[in-house]
PDB file of N, CA and C in Angstrom:
ATOM      1  N   MET A   1     100.436 106.797  87.123  1.00  0.00           N
ATOM      2  CA  MET A   1      99.582 106.166  87.588  1.00  0.00           C
ATOM      3  C   MET A   1      98.167 106.732  87.102  1.00  0.00           C
ATOM      4  N   THR A   2      97.052 105.828  87.061  1.00  0.00           N
ATOM      5  CA  THR A   2      95.962 106.409  86.585  1.00  0.00           C
ATOM      6  C   THR A   2      94.869 106.947  87.691  1.00  0.00           C
ATOM      7  N   LEU A   3      93.943 107.966  87.654  1.00  0.00           N
ATOM      8  CA  LEU A   3      93.351 108.141  88.491  1.00  0.00           C
ATOM      9  C   LEU A   3      92.441 106.986  89.209  1.00  0.00           C
ATOM     10  N   ALA A   4      91.925 105.954  88.395  1.00  0.00           N
ATOM     11  CA  ALA A   4      91.473 104.842  89.018  1.00  0.00           C
ATOM     12  C   ALA A   4      92.188 104.071  89.843  1.00  0.00           C
ATOM     13  N   GLU A   5      93.430 103.852  89.277  1.00  0.00           N
ATOM     14  CA  GLU A   5      94.525 103.143  90.249  1.00  0.00           C
ATOM     15  C   GLU A   5      94.783 103.872  91.514  1.00  0.00           C
ATOM     16  N   CYS A   6      94.550 105.214  91.535  1.00  0.00           N
ATOM     17  CA  CYS A   6      94.875 106.109  92.749  1.00  0.00           C
ATOM     18  C   CYS A   6      93.744 105.632  93.703  1.00  0.00           C
ATOM     19  N   LEU A   7      92.461 105.809  92.884  1.00  0.00           N
ATOM     20  CA  LEU A   7      91.186 105.498  93.998  1.00  0.00           C
ATOM     21  C   LEU A   7      91.300 104.013  94.682  1.00  0.00           C
ATOM     22  N   GLU A   8      91.861 103.248  93.883  1.00  0.00           N
ATOM     23  CA  GLU A   8      91.973 101.647  94.536  1.00  0.00           C
ATOM     24  C   GLU A   8      92.810 101.682  95.581  1.00  0.00           C
ATOM     25  N   ARG A   9      93.977 102.467  95.434  1.00  0.00           N
ATOM     26  CA  ARG A   9      94.997 102.206  96.406  1.00  0.00           C
ATOM     27  C   ARG A   9      94.552 102.906  97.623  1.00  0.00           C
ATOM     28  N   VAL A  10      93.766 104.187  97.765  1.00  0.00           N
ATOM     29  CA  VAL A  10      93.678 104.725  98.648  1.00  0.00           C
ATOM     30  C   VAL A  10      91.899 104.306  99.208  1.00  0.00           C
ATOM     31  N   ASP A  11      91.376 103.502  98.686  1.00  0.00           N
ATOM     32  CA  ASP A  11      89.960 103.163  98.838  1.00  0.00           C
ATOM     33  C   ASP A  11      88.998 104.362  98.863  1.00  0.00           C
ATOM     34  N   GLY A  12      89.281 105.160  98.083  1.00  0.00           N
ATOM     35  CA  GLY A  12      88.596 106.296  97.544  1.00  0.00           C
ATOM     36  C   GLY A  12      87.539 106.195  97.016  1.00  0.00           C
ATOM     37  N   SER A  13      86.762 107.567  96.652  1.00  0.00           N
ATOM     38  CA  SER A  13      85.490 107.431  95.855  1.00  0.00           C
ATOM     39  C   SER A  13      85.348 108.811  94.994  1.00  0.00           C
ATOM     40  N   TRP A  14      84.944 108.645  94.024  1.00  0.00           N
ATOM     41  CA  TRP A  14      84.559 110.162  93.268  1.00  0.00           C
ATOM     42  C   TRP A  14      83.453 111.191  93.807  1.00  0.00           C
ATOM     43  N   ILE A  15      83.732 112.315  93.854  1.00  0.00           N
ATOM     44  CA  ILE A  15      82.777 113.285  94.387  1.00  0.00           C
ATOM     45  C   ILE A  15      82.368 114.155  92.826  1.00  0.00           C
ATOM     46  N   ILE A  16      83.668 114.503  92.136  1.00  0.00           N
ATOM     47  CA  ILE A  16      83.378 114.913  90.660  1.00  0.00           C
ATOM     48  C   ILE A  16      84.032 114.045  90.010  1.00  0.00           C
ATOM     49  N   PRO A  17      83.484 113.027  89.301  1.00  0.00           N
ATOM     50  CA  PRO A  17      84.114 111.928  88.280  1.00  0.00           C
ATOM     51  C   PRO A  17      84.986 112.739  87.380  1.00  0.00           C
ATOM     52  N   GLY A  18      85.937 111.729  87.081  1.00  0.00           N
ATOM     53  CA  GLY A  18      87.045 112.249  86.002  1.00  0.00           C
ATOM     54  C   GLY A  18      87.160 111.288  85.207  1.00  0.00           C
ATOM     55  N   LYS A  19      88.069 111.250  84.365  1.00  0.00           N
ATOM     56  CA  LYS A  19      88.460 110.299  83.247  1.00  0.00           C
ATOM     57  C   LYS A  19      89.282 109.180  83.929  1.00  0.00           C
ATOM     58  N   GLU A  20      88.895 107.952  84.106  1.00  0.00           N
ATOM     59  CA  GLU A  20      89.503 107.176  85.090  1.00  0.00           C
ATOM     60  C   GLU A  20      90.944 106.786  84.545  1.00  0.00           C
ATOM     61  N   THR A  21      90.936 106.744  83.093  1.00  0.00           N
ATOM     62  CA  THR A  21      92.410 106.372  82.709  1.00  0.00           C
ATOM     63  C   THR A  21      93.399 107.746  82.625  1.00  0.00           C
ATOM     64  N   GLU A  22      92.598 108.584  82.827  1.00  0.00           N
ATOM     65  CA  GLU A  22      93.906 110.018  83.324  1.00  0.00           C
ATOM     66  C   GLU A  22      95.085 109.603  84.150  1.00  0.00           C
ATOM     67  N   GLU A  23      96.242 110.139  83.703  1.00  0.00           N
ATOM     68  CA  GLU A  23      97.506 109.508  84.484  1.00  0.00           C
ATOM     69  C   GLU A  23      97.812 110.975  84.868  1.00  0.00           C
ATOM     70  N   PHE A  24      98.491 110.831  86.254  1.00  0.00           N
ATOM     71  CA  PHE A  24      99.432 111.686  86.764  1.00  0.00           C
ATOM     72  C   PHE A  24     100.786 111.191  87.105  1.00  0.00           C
ATOM     73  N   PHE A  25     101.690 111.894  87.103  1.00  0.00           N
ATOM     74  CA  PHE A  25     103.045 111.440  87.220  1.00  0.00           C
ATOM     75  C   PHE A  25     103.784 111.802  88.552  1.00  0.00           C
ATOM     76  N   ASP A  26     103.101 112.759  89.288  1.00  0.00           N
ATOM     77  CA  ASP A  26     103.641 113.260  90.469  1.00  0.00           C
ATOM     78  C   ASP A  26     102.566 113.362  91.530  1.00  0.00           C
ATOM     79  N   VAL A  27     102.788 113.899  92.733  1.00  0.00           N
ATOM     80  CA  VAL A  27     101.744 113.986  93.586  1.00  0.00           C
ATOM     81  C   VAL A  27     102.282 115.303  94.667  1.00  0.00           C
ATOM     82  N   VAL A  28     101.469 116.343  94.724  1.00  0.00           N
ATOM     83  CA  VAL A  28     101.905 117.348  95.631  1.00  0.00           C
ATOM     84  C   VAL A  28     100.720 117.308  96.690  1.00  0.00           C
ATOM     85  N   VAL A  29     101.272 117.269  98.101  1.00  0.00           N
ATOM     86  CA  VAL A  29     100.741 117.046  99.136  1.00  0.00           C
ATOM     87  C   VAL A  29     100.711 118.236 100.116  1.00  0.00           C
ATOM     88  N   SER A  30      99.780 119.251 100.380  1.00  0.00           N
ATOM     89  CA  SER A  30      99.870 120.369 100.900  1.00  0.00           C
ATOM     90  C   SER A  30      98.529 120.945 101.555  1.00  0.00           C
ATOM     91  N   ASP A  31      98.369 121.366 102.583  1.00  0.00           N
ATOM     92  CA  ASP A  31      97.329 122.221 103.125  1.00  0.00           C
ATOM     93  C   ASP A  31      97.568 123.810 103.137  1.00  0.00           C
ATOM     94  N   LEU A  32      99.010 123.902 102.404  1.00  0.00           N
ATOM     95  CA  LEU A  32      99.282 125.450 102.472  1.00  0.00           C
ATOM     96  C   LEU A  32      99.187 125.685 100.577  1.00  0.00           C
ATOM     97  N   MET A  33      98.075 126.261 100.421  1.00  0.00           N
ATOM     98  CA  MET A  33      97.858 126.636  99.108  1.00  0.00           C
ATOM     99  C   MET A  33      99.122 127.376  98.369  1.00  0.00           C
ATOM    100  N   SER A  34      99.667 128.176  99.251  1.00  0.00           N
ATOM    101  CA  SER A  34     100.908 129.108  98.676  1.00  0.00           C
ATOM    102  C   SER A  34     102.153 128.309  98.271  1.00  0.00           C
ATOM    103  N   ASP A  35     102.113 127.101  99.081  1.00  0.00           N
ATOM    104  CA  ASP A  35     103.233 126.189  98.594  1.00  0.00           C
ATOM    105  C   ASP A  35     102.691 125.703  97.569  1.00  0.00           C
ATOM    106  N   VAL A  36     101.690 125.161  97.205  1.00  0.00           N
ATOM    107  CA  VAL A  36     101.232 124.564  95.875  1.00  0.00           C
ATOM    108  C   VAL A  36     101.369 125.645  94.812  1.00  0.00           C
ATOM    109  N   LEU A  37     101.036 126.817  95.000  1.00  0.00           N
ATOM    110  CA  LEU A  37     101.344 127.627  93.924  1.00  0.00           C
ATOM    111  C   LEU A  37     102.630 127.794  93.292  1.00  0.00           C
ATOM    112  N   VAL A  38     103.932 127.408  94.137  1.00  0.00           N
ATOM    113  CA  VAL A  38     105.096 127.830  93.525  1.00  0.00           C
ATOM    114  C   VAL A  38     105.742 126.293  93.157  1.00  0.00           C
ATOM    115  N   THR A  39     104.882 125.325  92.952  1.00  0.00           N
ATOM    116  CA  THR A  39     105.332 124.030  92.450  1.00  0.00           C
ATOM    117  C   THR A  39     105.853 124.172  90.968  1.00  0.00           C
ATOM    118  N   GLU A  40     106.845 123.728  90.324  1.00  0.00           N
ATOM    119  CA  GLU A  40     107.064 123.626  89.104  1.00  0.00           C
ATOM    120  C   GLU A  40     106.699 122.289  88.344  1.00  0.00           C
ATOM    121  N   LEU A  41     106.027 121.328  89.307  1.00  0.00           N
ATOM    122  CA  LEU A  41     105.866 120.025  88.641  1.00  0.00           C
ATOM    123  C   LEU A  41     104.670 120.201  87.770  1.00  0.00           C
ATOM    124  N   GLU A  42     104.498 119.277  86.921  1.00  0.00           N
ATOM    125  CA  GLU A  42     103.388 119.115  85.958  1.00  0.00           C
ATOM    126  C   GLU A  42     102.601 117.638  85.983  1.00  0.00           C
ATOM    127  N   ASP A  43     101.329 117.710  85.580  1.00  0.00           N
ATOM    128  CA  ASP A  43     100.582 116.458  85.481  1.00  0.00           C
ATOM    129  C   ASP A  43     100.526 115.949  86.987  1.00  0.00           C
ATOM    130  N   PHE A  44     100.105 116.592  87.866  1.00  0.00           N
ATOM    131  CA  PHE A  44     100.270 115.821  89.383  1.00  0.00           C
ATOM    132  C   PHE A  44      98.937 115.945  89.915  1.00  0.00           C
ATOM    133  N   LEU A  45      98.721 114.968  90.904  1.00  0.00           N
ATOM    134  CA  LEU A  45      97.487 114.901  91.753  1.00  0.00           C
ATOM    135  C   LEU A  45      97.844 115.849  93.008  1.00  0.00           C
ATOM    136  N   LEU A  46      96.865 116.372  93.505  1.00  0.00           N
ATOM    137  CA  LEU A  46      96.986 117.304  94.704  1.00  0.00           C
ATOM    138  C   LEU A  46      96.254 116.719  95.704  1.00  0.00           C
ATOM    139  N   VAL A  47      96.888 116.631  96.832  1.00  0.00           N
ATOM    140  CA  VAL A  47      96.203 115.874  98.051  1.00  0.00           C
ATOM    141  C   VAL A  47      96.369 117.211  98.982  1.00  0.00           C
ATOM    142  N   THR A  48      95.111 117.140  99.760  1.00  0.00           N
ATOM    143  CA  THR A  48      95.176 118.135 100.826  1.00  0.00           C
ATOM    144  C   THR A  48      93.957 117.512 101.581  1.00  0.00           C
ATOM    145  N   SER A  49      93.862 117.923 102.948  1.00  0.00           N
ATOM    146  CA  SER A  49      92.859 117.719 103.735  1.00  0.00           C
ATOM    147  C   SER A  49      91.802 119.032 103.721  1.00  0.00           C
ATOM    148  N   LEU A  50      92.176 120.122 102.915  1.00  0.00           N
ATOM    149  CA  LEU A  50      91.209 121.232 103.000  1.00  0.00           C
ATOM    150  C   LEU A  50      90.231 121.057 102.030  1.00  0.00           C
ATOM    151  N   THR A  51      88.975 121.716 102.477  1.00  0.00           N
ATOM    152  CA  THR A  51      87.854 121.416 101.502  1.00  0.00           C
ATOM    153  C   THR A  51      86.958 122.611 100.800  1.00  0.00           C
ATOM    154  N   SER A  52      87.784 123.814 100.815  1.00  0.00           N
ATOM    155  CA  SER A  52      87.241 125.013 100.420  1.00  0.00           C
ATOM    156  C   SER A  52      87.637 125.380  99.109  1.00  0.00           C
ATOM    157  N   GLU A  53      86.897 126.126  98.236  1.00  0.00           N
ATOM    158  CA  GLU A  53      86.969 126.700  96.937  1.00  0.00           C
ATOM    159  C   GLU A  53      88.464 126.989  96.384  1.00  0.00           C
ATOM    160  N   GLN A  54      89.066 127.449  97.607  1.00  0.00           N
ATOM    161  CA  GLN A  54      90.408 128.095  97.050  1.00  0.00           C
ATOM    162  C   GLN A  54      91.445 127.084  96.823  1.00  0.00           C
ATOM    163  N   VAL A  55      91.106 125.859  97.227  1.00  0.00           N
ATOM    164  CA  VAL A  55      91.832 124.582  96.746  1.00  0.00           C
ATOM    165  C   VAL A  55      91.512 124.310  95.328  1.00  0.00           C
ATOM    166  N   LEU A  56      90.304 124.423  95.150  1.00  0.00           N
ATOM    167  CA  LEU A  56      90.071 124.055  93.484  1.00  0.00           C
ATOM    168  C   LEU A  56      90.691 125.204  92.601  1.00  0.00           C
ATOM    169  N   ARG A  57      90.841 126.425  92.994  1.00  0.00           N
ATOM    170  CA  ARG A  57      90.983 127.703  92.532  1.00  0.00           C
ATOM    171  C   ARG A  57      92.554 127.363  92.240  1.00  0.00           C
ATOM    172  N   THR A  58      93.213 127.018  93.063  1.00  0.00           N
ATOM    173  CA  THR A  58      94.870 126.928  93.189  1.00  0.00           C
ATOM    174  C   THR A  58      94.989 125.592  92.394  1.00  0.00           C
ATOM    175  N   ALA A  59      94.078 124.690  92.228  1.00  0.00           N
ATOM    176  CA  ALA A  59      94.300 123.392  91.579  1.00  0.00           C
ATOM    177  C   ALA A  59      94.485 123.823  90.120  1.00  0.00           C
ATOM    178  N   ASP A  60      93.417 124.761  89.810  1.00  0.00           N
ATOM    179  CA  ASP A  60      93.180 125.061  88.246  1.00  0.00           C
ATOM    180  C   ASP A  60      94.442 126.065  87.750  1.00  0.00           C
ATOM    181  N   ILE A  61      94.737 126.979  88.710  1.00  0.00           N
ATOM    182  CA  ILE A  61      96.003 127.671  88.120  1.00  0.00           C
ATOM    183  C   ILE A  61      97.382 126.914  88.098  1.00  0.00           C
ATOM    184  N   VAL A  62      97.537 125.881  88.623  1.00  0.00           N
ATOM    185  CA  VAL A  62      98.789 125.131  88.532  1.00  0.00           C
ATOM    186  C   VAL A  62      98.655 123.912  87.767  1.00  0.00           C
ATOM    187  N   ASP A  63      97.447 123.839  86.901  1.00  0.00           N
ATOM    188  CA  ASP A  63      97.017 122.681  86.220  1.00  0.00           C
ATOM    189  C   ASP A  63      97.080 121.157  86.547  1.00  0.00           C
ATOM    190  N   ALA A  64      96.557 121.221  87.913  1.00  0.00           N
ATOM    191  CA  ALA A  64      96.694 119.607  88.651  1.00  0.00           C
ATOM    192  C   ALA A  64      95.641 119.018  87.879  1.00  0.00           C
ATOM    193  N   ARG A  65      95.889 117.603  87.860  1.00  0.00           N
ATOM    194  CA  ARG A  65      95.178 116.654  87.144  1.00  0.00           C
ATOM    195  C   ARG A  65      93.695 116.356  87.769  1.00  0.00           C
ATOM    196  N   ALA A  66      93.991 116.254  89.050  1.00  0.00           N
ATOM    197  CA  ALA A  66      92.857 115.922  90.045  1.00  0.00           C
ATOM    198  C   ALA A  66      93.063 116.450  91.228  1.00  0.00           C
ATOM    199  N   ILE A  67      91.907 116.532  92.316  1.00  0.00           N
ATOM    200  CA  ILE A  67      92.290 116.852  93.584  1.00  0.00           C
ATOM    201  C   ILE A  67      91.941 115.464  94.482  1.00  0.00           C
ATOM    202  N   LEU A  68      92.686 115.089  95.481  1.00  0.00           N
ATOM    203  CA  LEU A  68      92.356 114.146  96.380  1.00  0.00           C
ATOM    204  C   LEU A  68      92.081 114.716  97.892  1.00  0.00           C
ATOM    205  N   ILE A  69      91.285 114.685  98.534  1.00  0.00           N
ATOM    206  CA  ILE A  69      90.662 115.149  99.893  1.00  0.00           C
ATOM    207  C   ILE A  69      90.796 114.025 100.797  1.00  0.00           C
ATOM    208  N   THR A  70      91.717 114.140 101.797  1.00  0.00           N
ATOM    209  CA  THR A  70      91.970 113.152 102.803  1.00  0.00           C
ATOM    210  C   THR A  70      90.931 113.312 104.014  1.00  0.00           C
ATOM    211  N   ASN A  71      91.229 112.132 105.171  1.00  0.00           N
ATOM    212  CA  ASN A  71      90.527 112.351 106.271  1.00  0.00           C
ATOM    213  C   ASN A  71      89.060 112.043 106.280  1.00  0.00           C
ATOM    214  N   GLY A  72      88.521 111.504 105.014  1.00  0.00           N
ATOM    215  CA  GLY A  72      87.131 111.324 105.085  1.00  0.00           C
ATOM    216  C   GLY A  72      86.262 112.601 104.888  1.00  0.00           C
ATOM    217  N   LYS A  73      86.853 113.541 104.815  1.00  0.00           N
ATOM    218  CA  LYS A  73      86.233 115.037 104.427  1.00  0.00           C
ATOM    219  C   LYS A  73      85.654 115.092 103.361  1.00  0.00           C
ATOM    220  N   GLN A  74      84.496 115.898 103.147  1.00  0.00           N
ATOM    221  CA  GLN A  74      83.812 116.183 102.036  1.00  0.00           C
ATOM    222  C   GLN A  74      83.839 117.700 101.521  1.00  0.00           C
ATOM    223  N   PRO A  75      83.980 117.903 100.181  1.00  0.00           N
ATOM    224  CA  PRO A  75      84.236 119.260  99.856  1.00  0.00           C
ATOM    225  C   PRO A  75      83.029 120.214 100.220  1.00  0.00           C
ATOM    226  N   GLN A  76      83.110 121.265 100.460  1.00  0.00           N
ATOM    227  CA  GLN A  76      82.226 122.422 100.751  1.00  0.00           C
ATOM    228  C   GLN A  76      81.126 122.417  99.203  1.00  0.00           C
ATOM    229  N   GLU A  77      80.163 122.964  99.351  1.00  0.00           N
ATOM    230  CA  GLU A  77      79.144 122.904  98.509  1.00  0.00           C
ATOM    231  C   GLU A  77      79.846 124.029  97.175  1.00  0.00           C
ATOM    232  N   ARG A  78      80.178 124.888  97.644  1.00  0.00           N
ATOM    233  CA  ARG A  78      80.831 126.062  96.642  1.00  0.00           C
ATOM    234  C   ARG A  78      81.977 125.348  95.791  1.00  0.00           C
ATOM    235  N   MET A  79      82.808 124.516  96.551  1.00  0.00           N
ATOM    236  CA  MET A  79      83.793 123.838  95.853  1.00  0.00           C
ATOM    237  C   MET A  79      83.308 122.943  94.767  1.00  0.00           C
ATOM    238  N   ARG A  80      82.212 121.963  95.121  1.00  0.00           N
ATOM    239  CA  ARG A  80      81.749 121.213  94.289  1.00  0.00           C
ATOM    240  C   ARG A  80      81.150 121.602  93.108  1.00  0.00           C
ATOM    241  N   SER A  81      80.499 122.554  93.315  1.00  0.00           N
ATOM    242  CA  SER A  81      79.717 123.472  92.200  1.00  0.00           C
ATOM    243  C   SER A  81      80.460 124.120  91.282  1.00  0.00           C
ATOM    244  N   LEU A  82      82.030 124.653  91.560  1.00  0.00           N
ATOM    245  CA  LEU A  82      82.944 125.316  91.057  1.00  0.00           C
ATOM    246  C   LEU A  82      83.711 124.313  90.249  1.00  0.00           C
ATOM    247  N   ALA A  83      83.776 122.877  90.948  1.00  0.00           N
ATOM    248  CA  ALA A  83      84.581 121.612  90.367  1.00  0.00           C
ATOM    249  C   ALA A  83      83.782 121.402  89.041  1.00  0.00           C
ATOM    250  N   GLN A  84      82.640 121.197  89.134  1.00  0.00           N
ATOM    251  CA  GLN A  84      81.608 120.631  87.912  1.00  0.00           C
ATOM    252  C   GLN A  84      81.748 121.863  86.844  1.00  0.00           C
ATOM    253  N   HIS A  85      81.718 122.978  87.152  1.00  0.00           N
ATOM    254  CA  HIS A  85      81.802 123.902  86.190  1.00  0.00           C
ATOM    255  C   HIS A  85      83.049 123.972  85.373  1.00  0.00           C
ATOM    256  N   GLN A  86      84.247 123.657  86.254  1.00  0.00           N
ATOM    257  CA  GLN A  86      85.513 123.694  85.669  1.00  0.00           C
ATOM    258  C   GLN A  86      85.998 122.363  85.290  1.00  0.00           C
ATOM    259  N   THR A  87      85.149 121.403  85.320  1.00  0.00           N
ATOM    260  CA  THR A  87      85.628 119.930  85.065  1.00  0.00           C
ATOM    261  C   THR A  87      86.780 119.457  85.627  1.00  0.00           C
ATOM    262  N   MET A  88      87.019 119.866  86.845  1.00  0.00           N
ATOM    263  CA  MET A  88      88.052 119.437  87.792  1.00  0.00           C
ATOM    264  C   MET A  88      87.504 118.009  88.655  1.00  0.00           C
ATOM    265  N   PRO A  89      88.191 116.880  88.303  1.00  0.00           N
ATOM    266  CA  PRO A  89      88.002 115.799  89.129  1.00  0.00           C
ATOM    267  C   PRO A  89      88.257 116.052  90.632  1.00  0.00           C
ATOM    268  N   ILE A  90      87.569 115.816  91.692  1.00  0.00           N
ATOM    269  CA  ILE A  90      87.601 115.477  93.101  1.00  0.00           C
ATOM    270  C   ILE A  90      87.299 114.047  93.563  1.00  0.00           C
ATOM    271  N   MET A  91      88.131 113.726  94.191  1.00  0.00           N
ATOM    272  CA  MET A  91      88.006 112.305  95.028  1.00  0.00           C
ATOM    273  C   MET A  91      88.339 112.517  96.189  1.00  0.00           C
ATOM    274  N   VAL A  92      87.634 111.566  97.071  1.00  0.00           N
ATOM    275  CA  VAL A  92      87.939 111.633  98.824  1.00  0.00           C
ATOM    276  C   VAL A  92      88.285 110.068  99.018  1.00  0.00           C
ATOM    277  N   THR A  93      89.239 110.293 100.218  1.00  0.00           N
ATOM    278  CA  THR A  93      89.576 108.969 100.619  1.00  0.00           C
ATOM    279  C   THR A  93      89.192 109.171 102.535  1.00  0.00           C
ATOM    280  N   PRO A  94      88.845 107.898 102.945  1.00  0.00           N
ATOM    281  CA  PRO A  94      89.054 107.919 104.453  1.00  0.00           C
ATOM    282  C   PRO A  94      90.398 107.831 104.999  1.00  0.00           C
ATOM    283  N   LEU A  95      91.287 107.689 104.537  1.00  0.00           N
ATOM    284  CA  LEU A  95      92.399 107.816 104.854  1.00  0.00           C
ATOM    285  C   LEU A  95      93.004 108.971 105.444  1.00  0.00           C
ATOM    286  N   THR A  96      94.109 108.968 106.399  1.00  0.00           N
ATOM    287  CA  THR A  96      94.599 110.078 106.648  1.00  0.00           C
ATOM    288  C   THR A  96      95.711 110.925 105.599  1.00  0.00           C
ATOM    289  N   THR A  97      96.091 111.688 105.650  1.00  0.00           N
ATOM    290  CA  THR A  97      97.114 112.217 104.727  1.00  0.00           C
ATOM    291  C   THR A  97      98.185 111.561 104.650  1.00  0.00           C
ATOM    292  N   PHE A  98      98.935 111.128 105.889  1.00  0.00           N
ATOM    293  CA  PHE A  98     100.052 110.279 105.983  1.00  0.00           C
ATOM    294  C   PHE A  98      99.785 109.152 105.300  1.00  0.00           C
ATOM    295  N   ASP A  99      98.632 108.229 105.541  1.00  0.00           N
ATOM    296  CA  ASP A  99      98.536 107.030 104.961  1.00  0.00           C
ATOM    297  C   ASP A  99      98.362 107.116 103.571  1.00  0.00           C
ATOM    298  N   THR A 100      97.533 108.091 103.172  1.00  0.00           N
ATOM    299  CA  THR A 100      97.528 108.514 101.827  1.00  0.00           C
ATOM    300  C   THR A 100      98.869 108.546 100.937  1.00  0.00           C
ATOM    301  N   CYS A 101      99.713 109.251 101.465  1.00  0.00           N
ATOM    302  CA  CYS A 101     100.938 109.362 100.825  1.00  0.00           C
ATOM    303  C   CYS A 101     101.757 108.014 100.754  1.00  0.00           C
ATOM    304  N   ARG A 102     101.612 107.529 102.026  1.00  0.00           N
ATOM    305  CA  ARG A 102     102.323 105.955 101.707  1.00  0.00           C
ATOM    306  C   ARG A 102     101.720 105.182 100.668  1.00  0.00           C
ATOM    307  N   ALA A 103     100.054 105.247 100.336  1.00  0.00           N
ATOM    308  CA  ALA A 103      99.635 104.483  99.378  1.00  0.00           C
ATOM    309  C   ALA A 103      99.980 104.788  97.842  1.00  0.00           C
ATOM    310  N   LEU A 104     100.662 106.373  97.833  1.00  0.00           N
ATOM    311  CA  LEU A 104     100.637 106.676  96.446  1.00  0.00           C
ATOM    312  C   LEU A 104     102.251 106.791  96.177  1.00  0.00           C
ATOM    313  N   ALA A 105     103.062 106.498  97.354  1.00  0.00           N
ATOM    314  CA  ALA A 105     104.490 106.589  97.124  1.00  0.00           C
ATOM    315  C   ALA A 105     105.139 106.351  96.073  1.00  0.00           C
ATOM    316  N   ASP A 106     104.931 105.204  95.348  1.00  0.00           N
ATOM    317  CA  ASP A 106     105.390 104.712  94.090  1.00  0.00           C
ATOM    318  C   ASP A 106     104.671 105.474  92.842  1.00  0.00           C
ATOM    319  N   CYS A 107     103.859 106.173  92.744  1.00  0.00           N
ATOM    320  CA  CYS A 107     103.267 106.468  91.884  1.00  0.00           C
ATOM    321  C   CYS A 107     104.065 107.170  90.556  1.00  0.00           C
ATOM    322  N   LYS A 108     105.157 107.774  90.711  1.00  0.00           N
ATOM    323  CA  LYS A 108     105.981 108.466  89.989  1.00  0.00           C
ATOM    324  C   LYS A 108     106.600 107.413  88.732  1.00  0.00           C
ATOM    325  N   LYS A 109     106.137 107.852  87.572  1.00  0.00           N
ATOM    326  CA  LYS A 109     106.228 106.925  86.016  1.00  0.00           C
ATOM    327  C   LYS A 109     107.631 106.886  86.170  1.00  0.00           C
ATOM    328  N   GLN A 110     108.526 105.567  86.078  1.00  0.00           N
ATOM    329  CA  GLN A 110     109.799 105.499  85.829  1.00  0.00           C
ATOM    330  C   GLN A 110     110.384 105.621  84.416  1.00  0.00           C
TER     331      GLN A 110
END
């Protein structure tokens, strides 16, 4: 699934724009960044309701393709500036984390 397709499914918008044709093949959903750090997945979208710079630092360490923030929350200013510096795409959706998972359930490429 591409980032553009993801945004369409979750009625989302860009905070830090990314390449719309960028693809991800898995989704990791967590508010515990320690759980994200131990994932062995690659090329995934990180979905969380957290808005701190630690999310961005974690996404960078595990090479996530992008970050999707749920529940209509906006990233903190420090997260925004760090994301621009690291060119990490950030998207937001008004959907709950659960509804976001339902919308992205079939993203895995066959």
